[in-house]
Amino acid sequence: MPWIEQIPVEKATGLLKKELEAAVERAGRVWHIVHVMSLNPRALRDSMRFYTAIMLKDSPLTRVQREMLATVVARELECHY
């Protein structure tokens, strides 16, 4: 398994600290999929904006349908996170 350097949550500052705090507010913790982007806080911010737009904002699909699609795609791609 590849290893990707990550900034420890307790050492985060600026935009990264803000994004990690938002992650904890959203999910109660910082998930690995979020933490792995810690070296690029702008990419993390933009990724979370994109995720929020497609999964949580207005859509012709229900939240359940969107989660189901995400699950099927992850399974098809053998993504186990």
C-alpha atoms as a PDB file:
ATOM      1  CA  MET A   1       0.000   0.000   0.000  1.00  0.00           C
ATOM      2  CA  PRO A   2       1.422   3.446  -0.865  1.00  0.00           C
ATOM      3  CA  TRP A   3       2.232   5.880   1.900  1.00  0.00           C
ATOM      4  CA  ILE A   4       1.355   9.542   1.501  1.00  0.00           C
ATOM      5  CA  GLU A   5       2.789  12.177   3.818  1.00  0.00           C
ATOM      6  CA  GLN A   6       0.126  13.944   5.861  1.00  0.00           C
ATOM      7  CA  ILE A   7       0.238  16.939   8.159  1.00  0.00           C
ATOM      8  CA  PRO A   8      -0.807  15.878  11.661  1.00  0.00           C
ATOM      9  CA  VAL A   9      -4.172  17.365  12.619  1.00  0.00           C
ATOM     10  CA  GLU A  10      -2.697  18.993  15.725  1.00  0.00           C
ATOM     11  CA  LYS A  11      -0.067  20.798  13.597  1.00  0.00           C
ATOM     12  CA  ALA A  12      -2.509  22.180  11.029  1.00  0.00           C
ATOM     13  CA  THR A  13      -2.652  25.950  10.594  1.00  0.00           C
ATOM     14  CA  GLY A  14      -4.495  28.437   8.383  1.00  0.00           C
ATOM     15  CA  LEU A  15      -6.762  27.045   5.688  1.00  0.00           C
ATOM     16  CA  LEU A  16      -5.843  23.449   6.505  1.00  0.00           C
ATOM     17  CA  LYS A  17      -6.836  23.893  10.148  1.00  0.00           C
ATOM     18  CA  LYS A  18     -10.135  25.445   9.064  1.00  0.00           C
ATOM     19  CA  GLU A  19     -10.884  22.559   6.676  1.00  0.00           C
ATOM     20  CA  LEU A  20      -9.967  19.876   9.203  1.00  0.00           C
ATOM     21  CA  GLU A  21     -12.128  21.550  11.848  1.00  0.00           C
ATOM     22  CA  ALA A  22     -14.985  21.589   9.318  1.00  0.00           C
ATOM     23  CA  ALA A  23     -14.407  17.873   8.698  1.00  0.00           C
ATOM     24  CA  VAL A  24     -14.750  17.149  12.409  1.00  0.00           C
ATOM     25  CA  GLU A  25     -17.897  19.290  12.543  1.00  0.00           C
ATOM     26  CA  ARG A  26     -19.367  17.346   9.587  1.00  0.00           C
ATOM     27  CA  ALA A  27     -18.393  13.824  10.485  1.00  0.00           C
ATOM     28  CA  GLY A  28     -17.134  13.812  14.062  1.00  0.00           C
ATOM     29  CA  ARG A  29     -13.595  13.044  12.898  1.00  0.00           C
ATOM     30  CA  VAL A  30     -11.137  13.553  10.030  1.00  0.00           C
ATOM     31  CA  TRP A  31     -11.519  10.606   7.688  1.00  0.00           C
ATOM     32  CA  HIS A  32      -8.446   9.294   5.835  1.00  0.00           C
ATOM     33  CA  ILE A  33      -9.858  10.354   2.461  1.00  0.00           C
ATOM     34  CA  VAL A  34      -9.836  13.944   3.759  1.00  0.00           C
ATOM     35  CA  HIS A  35      -6.559  13.793   5.696  1.00  0.00           C
ATOM     36  CA  VAL A  36      -4.622  12.483   2.708  1.00  0.00           C
ATOM     37  CA  MET A  37      -5.162  15.884   1.049  1.00  0.00           C
ATOM     38  CA  SER A  38      -3.559  17.770   3.944  1.00  0.00           C
ATOM     39  CA  LEU A  39      -0.500  18.814   1.919  1.00  0.00           C
ATOM     40  CA  ASN A  40      -2.767  20.745  -0.436  1.00  0.00           C
ATOM     41  CA  PRO A  41      -5.405  22.598   1.618  1.00  0.00           C
ATOM     42  CA  ARG A  42      -6.872  24.345  -1.441  1.00  0.00           C
ATOM     43  CA  ALA A  43      -7.447  21.008  -3.157  1.00  0.00           C
ATOM     44  CA  LEU A  44      -8.999  19.718   0.073  1.00  0.00           C
ATOM     45  CA  ARG A  45     -11.307  22.744   0.265  1.00  0.00           C
ATOM     46  CA  ASP A  46     -12.333  22.458  -3.375  1.00  0.00           C
ATOM     47  CA  SER A  47     -12.812  18.694  -3.127  1.00  0.00           C
ATOM     48  CA  MET A  48     -15.154  19.132  -0.163  1.00  0.00           C
ATOM     49  CA  ARG A  49     -17.072  21.848  -2.002  1.00  0.00           C
ATOM     50  CA  PHE A  50     -17.487  19.511  -4.961  1.00  0.00           C
ATOM     51  CA  TYR A  51     -18.554  16.611  -2.715  1.00  0.00           C
ATOM     52  CA  THR A  52     -21.080  18.851  -0.953  1.00  0.00           C
ATOM     53  CA  ALA A  53     -22.466  20.078  -4.262  1.00  0.00           C
ATOM     54  CA  ILE A  54     -23.008  16.612  -5.731  1.00  0.00           C
ATOM     55  CA  MET A  55     -24.051  14.764  -2.576  1.00  0.00           C
ATOM     56  CA  LEU A  56     -25.858  17.275  -0.377  1.00  0.00           C
ATOM     57  CA  LYS A  57     -27.240  20.109  -2.492  1.00  0.00           C
ATOM     58  CA  ASP A  58     -30.382  20.160  -4.661  1.00  0.00           C
ATOM     59  CA  SER A  59     -30.450  17.365  -7.218  1.00  0.00           C
ATOM     60  CA  PRO A  60     -32.922  15.427  -9.332  1.00  0.00           C
ATOM     61  CA  LEU A  61     -31.601  12.347  -7.484  1.00  0.00           C
ATOM     62  CA  THR A  62     -32.449  11.616  -3.867  1.00  0.00           C
ATOM     63  CA  ARG A  63     -29.684  11.397  -1.282  1.00  0.00           C
ATOM     64  CA  VAL A  64     -30.232   7.638  -1.125  1.00  0.00           C
ATOM     65  CA  GLN A  65     -29.839   7.323  -4.902  1.00  0.00           C
ATOM     66  CA  ARG A  66     -26.621   9.355  -4.823  1.00  0.00           C
ATOM     67  CA  GLU A  67     -25.191   7.224  -1.998  1.00  0.00           C
ATOM     68  CA  MET A  68     -26.193   4.076  -3.861  1.00  0.00           C
ATOM     69  CA  LEU A  69     -24.404   5.275  -7.009  1.00  0.00           C
ATOM     70  CA  ALA A  70     -21.296   6.119  -4.991  1.00  0.00           C
ATOM     71  CA  THR A  71     -21.353   2.663  -3.391  1.00  0.00           C
ATOM     72  CA  VAL A  72     -21.757   0.847  -6.708  1.00  0.00           C
ATOM     73  CA  VAL A  73     -18.953   2.844  -8.342  1.00  0.00           C
ATOM     74  CA  ALA A  74     -16.629   2.274  -5.363  1.00  0.00           C
ATOM     75  CA  ARG A  75     -17.365  -1.457  -5.476  1.00  0.00           C
ATOM     76  CA  GLU A  76     -16.836  -1.638  -9.236  1.00  0.00           C
ATOM     77  CA  LEU A  77     -13.489   0.153  -8.864  1.00  0.00           C
ATOM     78  CA  GLU A  78     -12.542  -2.073  -5.899  1.00  0.00           C
ATOM     79  CA  CYS A  79     -12.240   0.987  -3.681  1.00  0.00           C
ATOM     80  CA  HIS A  80     -12.457  -0.130  -0.057  1.00  0.00           C
ATOM     81  CA  TYR A  81     -12.367   3.097   1.912  1.00  0.00           C
END
